[in-house]
Amino acid sequence: MPKCTRNGCGQEYEDVANDQMACQYHPGLPEFHEGLKGWTCCKTRVHSFDDFMEIGGCKLGSHSSAPKHKDDDPFKADLTKYDDVLPTPAPAPSTATPVDT
């Protein structure tokens, strides 16, 4: 059986029972701010991580087994967007010794 990849779901499901009311999930991203944890799509905030993992989804839809796109992971920073503002590193000093002639 496929496993749902939607945030807050993770259930295994059968395609024949996968209708628009089968999956309760969070369409938003996880949010951790000043000791509070929650989802950007709903207002519930908790202090403990265990309680955060128990926050029920705020939207209904069908299950999905589609892999998440790499841009969906808020914990993976893409630093290439700063390439144009970072200075070019200086070349390493030469360690060659001069040869007497």
Protein backbone atom coordinates (compact mmCIF):
# COMPACT_ATOMS: atom_id res chain seq x y z
CA MET A 1 0.00 0.00 0.00
CA PRO A 2 1.28 3.51 -0.76
CA LYS A 3 1.98 5.91 2.10
CA CYS A 4 0.64 9.48 1.99
CA THR A 5 3.37 12.13 1.74
CA ARG A 6 1.22 15.11 2.73
CA ASN A 7 2.31 17.08 5.84
CA GLY A 8 0.61 15.81 8.97
CA CYS A 9 -0.83 12.64 7.38
CA GLY A 10 1.64 9.83 6.61
CA GLN A 11 -1.08 7.15 6.54
CA GLU A 12 -0.99 4.08 4.34
CA TYR A 13 -4.01 3.98 2.05
CA GLU A 14 -5.72 1.97 -0.65
CA ASP A 15 -6.43 3.67 -3.98
CA VAL A 16 -10.04 2.41 -4.02
CA ALA A 17 -10.81 4.26 -0.75
CA ASN A 18 -8.89 7.43 -1.66
CA ASP A 19 -11.56 10.10 -2.07
CA GLN A 20 -11.58 13.86 -1.40
CA MET A 21 -12.31 13.32 2.32
CA ALA A 22 -9.71 10.58 3.01
CA CYS A 23 -6.72 12.73 3.99
CA GLN A 24 -6.53 15.33 6.76
CA TYR A 25 -3.31 17.30 6.21
CA HIS A 26 -1.54 20.65 6.49
CA PRO A 27 -1.01 22.51 3.18
CA GLY A 28 1.36 24.95 4.93
CA LEU A 29 4.88 24.62 6.26
CA PRO A 30 6.03 23.82 9.79
CA GLU A 31 6.79 26.94 11.81
CA PHE A 32 9.03 27.15 14.89
CA HIS A 33 9.23 30.56 16.53
CA GLU A 34 10.22 31.61 20.06
CA GLY A 35 9.53 28.20 21.58
CA LEU A 36 6.17 27.77 19.85
CA LYS A 37 5.53 25.20 17.16
CA GLY A 38 2.74 25.07 14.61
CA TRP A 39 1.86 25.19 10.92
CA THR A 40 1.70 28.29 8.73
CA CYS A 41 -1.75 27.23 7.51
CA CYS A 42 -3.53 27.16 10.87
CA LYS A 43 -3.46 29.02 14.19
CA THR A 44 -2.78 26.17 16.65
CA ARG A 45 0.54 26.65 18.51
CA VAL A 46 2.08 24.31 21.08
CA HIS A 47 5.26 24.20 23.17
CA SER A 48 6.36 20.56 22.93
CA PHE A 49 7.47 18.80 19.77
CA ASP A 50 5.33 15.76 20.63
CA ASP A 51 2.25 18.00 20.78
CA PHE A 52 3.28 19.58 17.46
CA MET A 53 3.37 16.14 15.83
CA GLU A 54 -0.18 15.52 17.10
CA ILE A 55 -1.76 18.68 15.60
CA GLY A 56 -4.47 17.38 13.29
CA GLY A 57 -4.52 18.54 9.70
CA CYS A 58 -6.60 21.60 8.85
CA LYS A 59 -7.56 20.64 5.29
CA LEU A 60 -9.26 17.61 3.73
CA GLY A 61 -8.37 16.07 0.40
CA SER A 62 -7.24 12.87 -1.22
CA HIS A 63 -4.04 11.10 -0.18
CA SER A 64 -0.94 11.64 -2.32
CA SER A 65 2.13 9.47 -2.71
CA ALA A 66 3.91 11.98 -4.93
CA PRO A 67 7.44 12.66 -3.70
CA LYS A 68 7.94 16.08 -2.18
CA HIS A 69 9.79 18.59 -4.31
CA LYS A 70 13.15 19.62 -2.84
CA ASP A 71 11.90 23.22 -2.55
CA ASP A 72 9.12 22.02 -0.22
CA ASP A 73 11.60 21.31 2.58
CA PRO A 74 11.94 24.47 4.68
CA PHE A 75 15.02 23.07 6.43
CA LYS A 76 17.16 22.85 3.29
CA ALA A 77 18.60 26.26 2.52
CA ASP A 78 19.50 27.16 -1.05
CA LEU A 79 22.55 29.37 -0.66
CA THR A 80 23.15 29.71 -4.41
CA LYS A 81 20.81 32.72 -4.43
CA TYR A 82 23.58 34.60 -2.59
CA ASP A 83 26.30 33.80 -5.15
CA ASP A 84 26.06 37.23 -6.77
CA VAL A 85 26.58 39.11 -3.46
CA LEU A 86 29.32 37.00 -1.88
CA PRO A 87 32.89 38.16 -2.51
CA THR A 88 35.15 35.97 -4.62
CA PRO A 89 37.63 34.17 -2.37
CA ALA A 90 41.26 35.35 -2.59
CA PRO A 91 43.71 32.95 -4.20
CA ALA A 92 45.73 30.80 -1.81
CA PRO A 93 49.29 32.01 -1.18
CA SER A 94 51.98 30.21 -3.08
CA THR A 95 53.98 27.70 -1.10
CA ALA A 96 56.65 27.17 -3.77
CA THR A 97 60.22 27.89 -2.70
CA PRO A 98 62.35 30.05 -4.99
CA VAL A 99 65.12 28.27 -6.85
CA ASP A 100 68.60 29.86 -6.84
CA THR A 101 70.27 30.00 -10.23
